[in-house]
Amino acid sequence: MLDQSFYDKADEIISAHGTGKESLIPIMQDIQSVYRYIPPELLTYVADRIGVTEAKAYSVATFYENFSFDQKGKYVIKVCDGTACHVRKGSEILARLYKELDLSDGKRTTDDMMFTIETVSCLGACGLAPVMTVNDKVHPAMTPDKVTATISKIKEDEK
């Protein structure tokens, strides 16, 4: 069960977009930008408030890859696994991240909810390969040592 503040925030977002069915995607985008994921209970609430079926809301949310029902860390790190990044040893970037953050393919978010690692097919920065983003900020020409420095800087800034 979600805290009442989640529903209050959803009401605020719904008010900004209106209660028409066409508002579903913008409302979901705003909810995800606030919480870094869409709490399933909140999607059900939104569907009811704007008059779409729960099934329709879930079909939209699962169709688009950028929507997530999994809670994410404060820092979402996306590592490109596209051709250019793969050829330029992007897998070493991912391996270093897993090591630095004590994560694995099966565990992608740190216990303290600070970091989430995602692999993506392309970040659209092939000329800068290998690339990773941290909360959508592009980090080009990454190396394992640059990964360590980036994670260390984030942790230091959080102190």
N, C-alpha and C. Protein backbone atom coordinates (compact mmCIF):
# COMPACT_ATOMS: atom_id res chain seq x y z
N MET A 1 0.85 -1.19 0.00
CA MET A 1 0.00 0.00 0.00
C MET A 1 0.89 1.25 0.00
N LEU A 2 0.59 2.14 -0.90
CA LEU A 2 1.37 3.36 -1.01
C LEU A 2 0.92 4.40 0.02
N ASP A 3 1.86 5.23 0.37
CA ASP A 3 1.58 6.36 1.25
C ASP A 3 0.62 7.33 0.54
N GLN A 4 -0.20 8.01 1.27
CA GLN A 4 -1.18 8.95 0.70
C GLN A 4 -0.52 10.01 -0.18
N SER A 5 0.72 10.36 0.13
CA SER A 5 1.40 11.39 -0.65
C SER A 5 1.55 11.00 -2.13
N PHE A 6 1.64 9.70 -2.42
CA PHE A 6 1.72 9.24 -3.81
C PHE A 6 0.43 9.59 -4.54
N TYR A 7 -0.69 9.35 -3.90
CA TYR A 7 -1.99 9.63 -4.52
C TYR A 7 -2.23 11.13 -4.65
N ASP A 8 -1.77 11.89 -3.67
CA ASP A 8 -1.89 13.35 -3.75
C ASP A 8 -1.08 13.88 -4.92
N LYS A 9 0.13 13.36 -5.10
CA LYS A 9 0.97 13.78 -6.22
C LYS A 9 0.33 13.38 -7.54
N ALA A 10 -0.25 12.18 -7.60
CA ALA A 10 -0.93 11.74 -8.81
C ALA A 10 -2.09 12.67 -9.13
N ASP A 11 -2.84 13.08 -8.12
CA ASP A 11 -3.95 14.01 -8.34
C ASP A 11 -3.44 15.34 -8.90
N GLU A 12 -2.31 15.79 -8.39
CA GLU A 12 -1.71 17.03 -8.87
C GLU A 12 -1.32 16.89 -10.36
N ILE A 13 -0.72 15.77 -10.70
CA ILE A 13 -0.30 15.52 -12.09
C ILE A 13 -1.52 15.39 -13.00
N ILE A 14 -2.54 14.69 -12.54
CA ILE A 14 -3.76 14.53 -13.33
C ILE A 14 -4.40 15.90 -13.56
N SER A 15 -4.42 16.74 -12.55
CA SER A 15 -5.00 18.09 -12.69
C SER A 15 -4.26 18.89 -13.76
N ALA A 16 -2.95 18.70 -13.84
CA ALA A 16 -2.15 19.44 -14.82
C ALA A 16 -2.42 18.97 -16.26
N HIS A 17 -2.79 17.70 -16.42
CA HIS A 17 -2.98 17.14 -17.77
C HIS A 17 -4.44 16.96 -18.16
N GLY A 18 -5.33 16.94 -17.20
CA GLY A 18 -6.73 16.71 -17.49
C GLY A 18 -7.08 15.24 -17.35
N THR A 19 -8.38 14.97 -17.38
CA THR A 19 -8.84 13.60 -17.14
C THR A 19 -9.25 12.89 -18.42
N GLY A 20 -8.85 13.39 -19.55
CA GLY A 20 -9.14 12.70 -20.81
C GLY A 20 -8.25 11.49 -20.99
N LYS A 21 -8.74 10.53 -21.75
CA LYS A 21 -7.97 9.31 -22.02
C LYS A 21 -6.64 9.61 -22.69
N GLU A 22 -6.60 10.70 -23.47
CA GLU A 22 -5.36 11.07 -24.15
C GLU A 22 -4.28 11.54 -23.18
N SER A 23 -4.63 11.74 -21.93
CA SER A 23 -3.67 12.20 -20.92
C SER A 23 -2.88 11.06 -20.28
N LEU A 24 -3.25 9.83 -20.59
CA LEU A 24 -2.62 8.69 -19.92
C LEU A 24 -1.09 8.71 -20.03
N ILE A 25 -0.56 8.82 -21.22
CA ILE A 25 0.90 8.76 -21.39
C ILE A 25 1.59 9.94 -20.72
N PRO A 26 1.14 11.19 -20.94
CA PRO A 26 1.81 12.29 -20.22
C PRO A 26 1.75 12.15 -18.70
N ILE A 27 0.64 11.64 -18.19
CA ILE A 27 0.53 11.43 -16.74
C ILE A 27 1.54 10.38 -16.29
N MET A 28 1.64 9.26 -17.03
CA MET A 28 2.61 8.22 -16.67
C MET A 28 4.04 8.75 -16.75
N GLN A 29 4.32 9.57 -17.76
CA GLN A 29 5.66 10.15 -17.89
C GLN A 29 6.00 11.02 -16.67
N ASP A 30 5.05 11.83 -16.26
CA ASP A 30 5.30 12.70 -15.10
C ASP A 30 5.46 11.90 -13.81
N ILE A 31 4.65 10.86 -13.65
CA ILE A 31 4.78 10.02 -12.45
C ILE A 31 6.14 9.36 -12.44
N GLN A 32 6.56 8.85 -13.58
CA GLN A 32 7.87 8.20 -13.64
C GLN A 32 8.99 9.20 -13.41
N SER A 33 8.84 10.43 -13.88
CA SER A 33 9.90 11.41 -13.65
C SER A 33 10.02 11.77 -12.17
N VAL A 34 8.92 11.69 -11.44
CA VAL A 34 8.96 11.98 -10.00
C VAL A 34 9.56 10.82 -9.22
N TYR A 35 9.13 9.59 -9.51
CA TYR A 35 9.51 8.43 -8.70
C TYR A 35 10.55 7.52 -9.34
N ARG A 36 10.91 7.77 -10.59
CA ARG A 36 11.85 6.96 -11.37
C ARG A 36 11.28 5.58 -11.72
N TYR A 37 10.00 5.39 -11.44
CA TYR A 37 9.27 4.19 -11.85
C TYR A 37 7.78 4.50 -11.67
N ILE A 38 6.94 3.59 -12.14
CA ILE A 38 5.50 3.76 -11.95
C ILE A 38 5.04 2.71 -10.95
N PRO A 39 4.68 3.13 -9.75
CA PRO A 39 4.14 2.16 -8.79
C PRO A 39 2.84 1.56 -9.36
N PRO A 40 2.74 0.24 -9.45
CA PRO A 40 1.56 -0.38 -10.05
C PRO A 40 0.23 0.09 -9.43
N GLU A 41 0.22 0.28 -8.11
CA GLU A 41 -1.02 0.75 -7.47
C GLU A 41 -1.42 2.13 -7.97
N LEU A 42 -0.42 2.94 -8.29
CA LEU A 42 -0.69 4.29 -8.77
C LEU A 42 -1.22 4.26 -10.20
N LEU A 43 -0.73 3.33 -11.00
CA LEU A 43 -1.24 3.21 -12.37
C LEU A 43 -2.72 2.82 -12.34
N THR A 44 -3.08 1.91 -11.46
CA THR A 44 -4.48 1.51 -11.30
C THR A 44 -5.32 2.72 -10.88
N TYR A 45 -4.81 3.50 -9.96
CA TYR A 45 -5.51 4.70 -9.48
C TYR A 45 -5.70 5.70 -10.62
N VAL A 46 -4.66 5.94 -11.39
CA VAL A 46 -4.73 6.88 -12.52
C VAL A 46 -5.75 6.40 -13.55
N ALA A 47 -5.70 5.12 -13.87
CA ALA A 47 -6.63 4.56 -14.85
C ALA A 47 -8.07 4.83 -14.42
N ASP A 48 -8.35 4.59 -13.17
CA ASP A 48 -9.69 4.81 -12.65
C ASP A 48 -10.08 6.29 -12.73
N ARG A 49 -9.15 7.16 -12.37
CA ARG A 49 -9.42 8.61 -12.35
C ARG A 49 -9.67 9.19 -13.74
N ILE A 50 -9.01 8.64 -14.77
CA ILE A 50 -9.19 9.22 -16.11
C ILE A 50 -10.12 8.39 -17.00
N GLY A 51 -10.67 7.33 -16.44
CA GLY A 51 -11.69 6.58 -17.16
C GLY A 51 -11.18 5.62 -18.22
N VAL A 52 -10.01 5.04 -17.98
CA VAL A 52 -9.54 3.96 -18.87
C VAL A 52 -9.50 2.68 -18.05
N THR A 53 -9.59 1.57 -18.72
CA THR A 53 -9.53 0.31 -17.99
C THR A 53 -8.12 0.08 -17.47
N GLU A 54 -8.05 -0.68 -16.41
CA GLU A 54 -6.74 -1.04 -15.85
C GLU A 54 -5.93 -1.80 -16.90
N ALA A 55 -6.59 -2.66 -17.65
CA ALA A 55 -5.91 -3.43 -18.70
C ALA A 55 -5.31 -2.51 -19.76
N LYS A 56 -6.05 -1.49 -20.15
CA LYS A 56 -5.54 -0.54 -21.15
C LYS A 56 -4.32 0.21 -20.60
N ALA A 57 -4.41 0.67 -19.36
CA ALA A 57 -3.28 1.40 -18.77
C ALA A 57 -2.04 0.52 -18.71
N TYR A 58 -2.22 -0.74 -18.31
CA TYR A 58 -1.08 -1.66 -18.23
C TYR A 58 -0.54 -2.00 -19.61
N SER A 59 -1.42 -2.11 -20.60
CA SER A 59 -0.94 -2.44 -21.95
C SER A 59 -0.10 -1.30 -22.50
N VAL A 60 -0.48 -0.06 -22.22
CA VAL A 60 0.31 1.09 -22.65
C VAL A 60 1.64 1.12 -21.91
N ALA A 61 1.59 0.93 -20.60
CA ALA A 61 2.81 1.00 -19.79
C ALA A 61 3.81 -0.10 -20.14
N THR A 62 3.31 -1.26 -20.52
CA THR A 62 4.24 -2.36 -20.86
C THR A 62 4.68 -2.31 -22.31
N PHE A 63 3.93 -1.60 -23.16
CA PHE A 63 4.32 -1.50 -24.57
C PHE A 63 5.56 -0.63 -24.73
N TYR A 64 5.63 0.48 -24.02
CA TYR A 64 6.75 1.41 -24.15
C TYR A 64 7.87 1.02 -23.20
N GLU A 65 9.04 0.83 -23.77
CA GLU A 65 10.19 0.36 -23.01
C GLU A 65 10.64 1.34 -21.93
N ASN A 66 10.37 2.62 -22.11
CA ASN A 66 10.87 3.60 -21.13
C ASN A 66 10.08 3.61 -19.83
N PHE A 67 8.91 2.96 -19.80
CA PHE A 67 8.16 2.87 -18.54
C PHE A 67 8.62 1.66 -17.76
N SER A 68 8.70 1.81 -16.45
CA SER A 68 9.17 0.72 -15.60
C SER A 68 8.30 0.60 -14.36
N PHE A 69 8.03 -0.64 -13.96
CA PHE A 69 7.33 -0.91 -12.71
C PHE A 69 8.31 -1.26 -11.60
N ASP A 70 9.58 -1.30 -11.91
CA ASP A 70 10.60 -1.64 -10.92
C ASP A 70 11.18 -0.36 -10.32
N GLN A 71 11.24 -0.33 -9.02
CA GLN A 71 11.80 0.83 -8.33
C GLN A 71 13.28 0.94 -8.69
N LYS A 72 13.72 2.16 -8.93
CA LYS A 72 15.10 2.40 -9.35
C LYS A 72 15.82 3.26 -8.34
N GLY A 73 17.14 3.20 -8.42
CA GLY A 73 17.97 4.00 -7.54
C GLY A 73 17.96 5.46 -7.91
N LYS A 74 18.55 6.26 -7.06
CA LYS A 74 18.63 7.71 -7.29
C LYS A 74 19.41 8.01 -8.56
N TYR A 75 20.42 7.20 -8.84
CA TYR A 75 21.23 7.37 -10.04
C TYR A 75 21.00 6.18 -10.96
N VAL A 76 20.39 6.43 -12.11
CA VAL A 76 20.15 5.38 -13.09
C VAL A 76 21.26 5.47 -14.14
N ILE A 77 22.05 4.41 -14.20
CA ILE A 77 23.18 4.35 -15.12
C ILE A 77 22.81 3.44 -16.28
N LYS A 78 22.83 3.99 -17.47
CA LYS A 78 22.54 3.21 -18.67
C LYS A 78 23.83 2.98 -19.43
N VAL A 79 24.07 1.73 -19.76
CA VAL A 79 25.28 1.37 -20.49
C VAL A 79 24.86 0.89 -21.87
N CYS A 80 25.43 1.50 -22.89
CA CYS A 80 25.10 1.15 -24.27
C CYS A 80 25.74 -0.19 -24.64
N ASP A 81 24.93 -1.03 -25.28
CA ASP A 81 25.43 -2.31 -25.79
C ASP A 81 25.21 -2.40 -27.31
N GLY A 82 25.10 -1.23 -27.94
CA GLY A 82 24.97 -1.19 -29.39
C GLY A 82 26.27 -1.60 -30.05
N THR A 83 26.25 -1.72 -31.35
CA THR A 83 27.41 -2.22 -32.10
C THR A 83 28.67 -1.42 -31.82
N ALA A 84 28.62 -0.10 -31.95
CA ALA A 84 29.83 0.72 -31.76
C ALA A 84 30.38 0.57 -30.35
N CYS A 85 29.51 0.60 -29.36
CA CYS A 85 29.96 0.47 -27.97
C CYS A 85 30.46 -0.95 -27.68
N HIS A 86 29.77 -1.92 -28.26
CA HIS A 86 30.18 -3.32 -28.06
C HIS A 86 31.57 -3.56 -28.64
N VAL A 87 31.80 -3.07 -29.85
CA VAL A 87 33.10 -3.25 -30.51
C VAL A 87 34.21 -2.53 -29.74
N ARG A 88 33.88 -1.43 -29.12
CA ARG A 88 34.87 -0.66 -28.36
C ARG A 88 34.90 -1.06 -26.89
N LYS A 89 34.52 -2.30 -26.61
CA LYS A 89 34.64 -2.91 -25.30
C LYS A 89 33.73 -2.31 -24.23
N GLY A 90 32.50 -2.03 -24.63
CA GLY A 90 31.50 -1.55 -23.69
C GLY A 90 31.21 -2.56 -22.59
N SER A 91 31.43 -3.84 -22.88
CA SER A 91 31.20 -4.88 -21.86
C SER A 91 32.13 -4.69 -20.66
N GLU A 92 33.31 -4.12 -20.89
CA GLU A 92 34.22 -3.85 -19.77
C GLU A 92 33.67 -2.75 -18.85
N ILE A 93 32.92 -1.82 -19.44
CA ILE A 93 32.30 -0.76 -18.67
C ILE A 93 31.26 -1.37 -17.73
N LEU A 94 30.43 -2.23 -18.30
CA LEU A 94 29.39 -2.89 -17.53
C LEU A 94 29.99 -3.76 -16.43
N ALA A 95 31.03 -4.51 -16.77
CA ALA A 95 31.69 -5.37 -15.78
C ALA A 95 32.25 -4.55 -14.61
N ARG A 96 32.85 -3.41 -14.91
CA ARG A 96 33.40 -2.57 -13.84
C ARG A 96 32.28 -2.00 -12.96
N LEU A 97 31.19 -1.60 -13.59
CA LEU A 97 30.05 -1.10 -12.81
C LEU A 97 29.53 -2.16 -11.85
N TYR A 98 29.35 -3.38 -12.37
CA TYR A 98 28.88 -4.47 -11.52
C TYR A 98 29.82 -4.67 -10.34
N LYS A 99 31.12 -4.62 -10.62
CA LYS A 99 32.11 -4.83 -9.56
C LYS A 99 32.08 -3.68 -8.55
N GLU A 100 32.09 -2.45 -9.04
CA GLU A 100 32.12 -1.27 -8.16
C GLU A 100 30.90 -1.20 -7.24
N LEU A 101 29.76 -1.63 -7.78
CA LEU A 101 28.50 -1.48 -7.05
C LEU A 101 28.00 -2.79 -6.44
N ASP A 102 28.79 -3.84 -6.59
CA ASP A 102 28.44 -5.16 -6.06
C ASP A 102 27.06 -5.61 -6.58
N LEU A 103 26.91 -5.52 -7.90
CA LEU A 103 25.68 -5.91 -8.57
C LEU A 103 25.96 -7.01 -9.58
N SER A 104 24.89 -7.53 -10.19
CA SER A 104 25.02 -8.59 -11.20
C SER A 104 23.83 -8.50 -12.14
N ASP A 105 23.80 -9.36 -13.14
CA ASP A 105 22.66 -9.39 -14.06
C ASP A 105 21.35 -9.58 -13.32
N GLY A 106 21.37 -10.37 -12.26
CA GLY A 106 20.16 -10.64 -11.49
C GLY A 106 19.82 -9.55 -10.48
N LYS A 107 20.78 -8.74 -10.13
CA LYS A 107 20.56 -7.66 -9.16
C LYS A 107 21.11 -6.37 -9.76
N ARG A 108 20.21 -5.48 -10.14
CA ARG A 108 20.60 -4.28 -10.87
C ARG A 108 20.48 -2.99 -10.07
N THR A 109 19.96 -3.07 -8.84
CA THR A 109 19.84 -1.88 -7.99
C THR A 109 20.51 -2.17 -6.66
N THR A 110 21.29 -1.19 -6.21
CA THR A 110 22.00 -1.36 -4.94
C THR A 110 21.00 -1.36 -3.78
N ASP A 111 21.38 -2.01 -2.69
CA ASP A 111 20.51 -2.13 -1.52
C ASP A 111 20.13 -0.77 -0.94
N ASP A 112 21.01 0.20 -1.05
CA ASP A 112 20.73 1.53 -0.50
C ASP A 112 19.91 2.40 -1.46
N MET A 113 19.49 1.83 -2.59
CA MET A 113 18.68 2.52 -3.60
C MET A 113 19.40 3.73 -4.20
N MET A 114 20.72 3.69 -4.21
CA MET A 114 21.48 4.79 -4.81
C MET A 114 21.70 4.59 -6.31
N PHE A 115 21.95 3.36 -6.74
CA PHE A 115 22.32 3.11 -8.13
C PHE A 115 21.48 2.00 -8.75
N THR A 116 21.11 2.19 -10.00
CA THR A 116 20.50 1.15 -10.82
C THR A 116 21.27 1.12 -12.13
N ILE A 117 21.60 -0.09 -12.58
CA ILE A 117 22.29 -0.26 -13.86
C ILE A 117 21.32 -0.87 -14.86
N GLU A 118 21.30 -0.28 -16.05
CA GLU A 118 20.51 -0.81 -17.15
C GLU A 118 21.38 -0.90 -18.39
N THR A 119 21.18 -1.93 -19.19
CA THR A 119 21.83 -1.98 -20.49
C THR A 119 20.79 -1.61 -21.54
N VAL A 120 21.20 -0.85 -22.52
CA VAL A 120 20.31 -0.40 -23.58
C VAL A 120 20.94 -0.70 -24.93
N SER A 121 20.09 -0.82 -25.94
CA SER A 121 20.58 -1.16 -27.28
C SER A 121 21.34 -0.02 -27.93
N CYS A 122 20.95 1.21 -27.64
CA CYS A 122 21.63 2.36 -28.24
C CYS A 122 21.31 3.61 -27.46
N LEU A 123 22.31 4.45 -27.27
CA LEU A 123 22.11 5.75 -26.63
C LEU A 123 22.21 6.89 -27.65
N GLY A 124 22.43 6.53 -28.91
CA GLY A 124 22.48 7.54 -29.96
C GLY A 124 23.74 8.38 -29.95
N ALA A 125 24.82 7.84 -29.43
CA ALA A 125 26.09 8.58 -29.36
C ALA A 125 27.22 7.68 -29.84
N CYS A 126 27.02 7.04 -30.96
CA CYS A 126 27.97 6.03 -31.45
C CYS A 126 29.38 6.58 -31.66
N GLY A 127 29.49 7.84 -32.06
CA GLY A 127 30.81 8.43 -32.27
C GLY A 127 31.57 8.66 -30.98
N LEU A 128 30.88 8.54 -29.85
CA LEU A 128 31.51 8.75 -28.54
C LEU A 128 31.74 7.45 -27.79
N ALA A 129 31.58 6.33 -28.48
CA ALA A 129 31.62 5.00 -27.86
C ALA A 129 32.96 4.71 -27.20
N PRO A 130 32.91 3.90 -26.14
CA PRO A 130 31.73 3.40 -25.43
C PRO A 130 31.15 4.48 -24.53
N VAL A 131 29.82 4.44 -24.42
CA VAL A 131 29.09 5.50 -23.74
C VAL A 131 28.24 4.91 -22.61
N MET A 132 28.11 5.70 -21.55
CA MET A 132 27.12 5.42 -20.53
C MET A 132 26.49 6.75 -20.14
N THR A 133 25.30 6.68 -19.58
CA THR A 133 24.66 7.89 -19.06
C THR A 133 24.40 7.67 -17.57
N VAL A 134 24.43 8.77 -16.84
CA VAL A 134 24.04 8.77 -15.44
C VAL A 134 22.93 9.80 -15.34
N ASN A 135 21.71 9.33 -15.07
CA ASN A 135 20.53 10.20 -15.06
C ASN A 135 20.49 11.07 -16.32
N ASP A 136 20.72 10.43 -17.45
CA ASP A 136 20.64 11.03 -18.79
C ASP A 136 21.78 11.97 -19.14
N LYS A 137 22.77 12.12 -18.26
CA LYS A 137 23.97 12.90 -18.61
C LYS A 137 24.95 11.94 -19.29
N VAL A 138 25.38 12.29 -20.49
CA VAL A 138 26.24 11.42 -21.29
C VAL A 138 27.68 11.46 -20.78
N HIS A 139 28.25 10.26 -20.63
CA HIS A 139 29.67 10.10 -20.28
C HIS A 139 30.33 9.37 -21.45
N PRO A 140 31.05 10.11 -22.31
CA PRO A 140 31.63 9.51 -23.52
C PRO A 140 32.98 8.86 -23.29
N ALA A 141 33.36 8.05 -24.26
CA ALA A 141 34.69 7.42 -24.29
C ALA A 141 35.05 6.82 -22.94
N MET A 142 34.14 6.05 -22.41
CA MET A 142 34.34 5.47 -21.07
C MET A 142 35.41 4.38 -21.09
N THR A 143 36.07 4.29 -19.96
CA THR A 143 37.02 3.22 -19.70
C THR A 143 36.67 2.68 -18.31
N PRO A 144 37.14 1.50 -17.97
CA PRO A 144 36.89 1.01 -16.62
C PRO A 144 37.36 1.98 -15.53
N ASP A 145 38.51 2.62 -15.75
CA ASP A 145 39.01 3.57 -14.75
C ASP A 145 38.12 4.81 -14.64
N LYS A 146 37.56 5.25 -15.76
CA LYS A 146 36.62 6.39 -15.73
C LYS A 146 35.34 6.00 -14.99
N VAL A 147 34.93 4.75 -15.11
CA VAL A 147 33.76 4.27 -14.37
C VAL A 147 34.02 4.40 -12.88
N THR A 148 35.17 3.91 -12.44
CA THR A 148 35.53 3.99 -11.02
C THR A 148 35.54 5.43 -10.54
N ALA A 149 36.12 6.32 -11.33
CA ALA A 149 36.18 7.74 -10.96
C ALA A 149 34.78 8.36 -10.89
N THR A 150 33.93 8.01 -11.83
CA THR A 150 32.56 8.55 -11.86
C THR A 150 31.77 8.10 -10.64
N ILE A 151 31.85 6.82 -10.33
CA ILE A 151 31.13 6.29 -9.16
C ILE A 151 31.68 6.91 -7.88
N SER A 152 32.98 7.02 -7.78
CA SER A 152 33.60 7.62 -6.59
C SER A 152 33.16 9.07 -6.41
N LYS A 153 33.09 9.82 -7.50
CA LYS A 153 32.67 11.22 -7.43
C LYS A 153 31.22 11.33 -6.97
N ILE A 154 30.36 10.48 -7.50
CA ILE A 154 28.95 10.51 -7.08
C ILE A 154 28.83 10.19 -5.59
N LYS A 155 29.54 9.16 -5.16
CA LYS A 155 29.49 8.79 -3.73
C LYS A 155 30.03 9.91 -2.86
N GLU A 156 31.09 10.55 -3.29
CA GLU A 156 31.67 11.66 -2.52
C GLU A 156 30.69 12.83 -2.45
N ASP A 157 30.06 13.15 -3.56
CA ASP A 157 29.09 14.25 -3.59
C ASP A 157 27.88 13.99 -2.71
N GLU A 158 27.58 12.72 -2.47
CA GLU A 158 26.42 12.35 -1.65
C GLU A 158 26.71 12.48 -0.16
N LYS A 159 27.98 12.60 0.21
CA LYS A 159 28.32 12.68 1.64
C LYS A 159 27.95 14.02 2.22
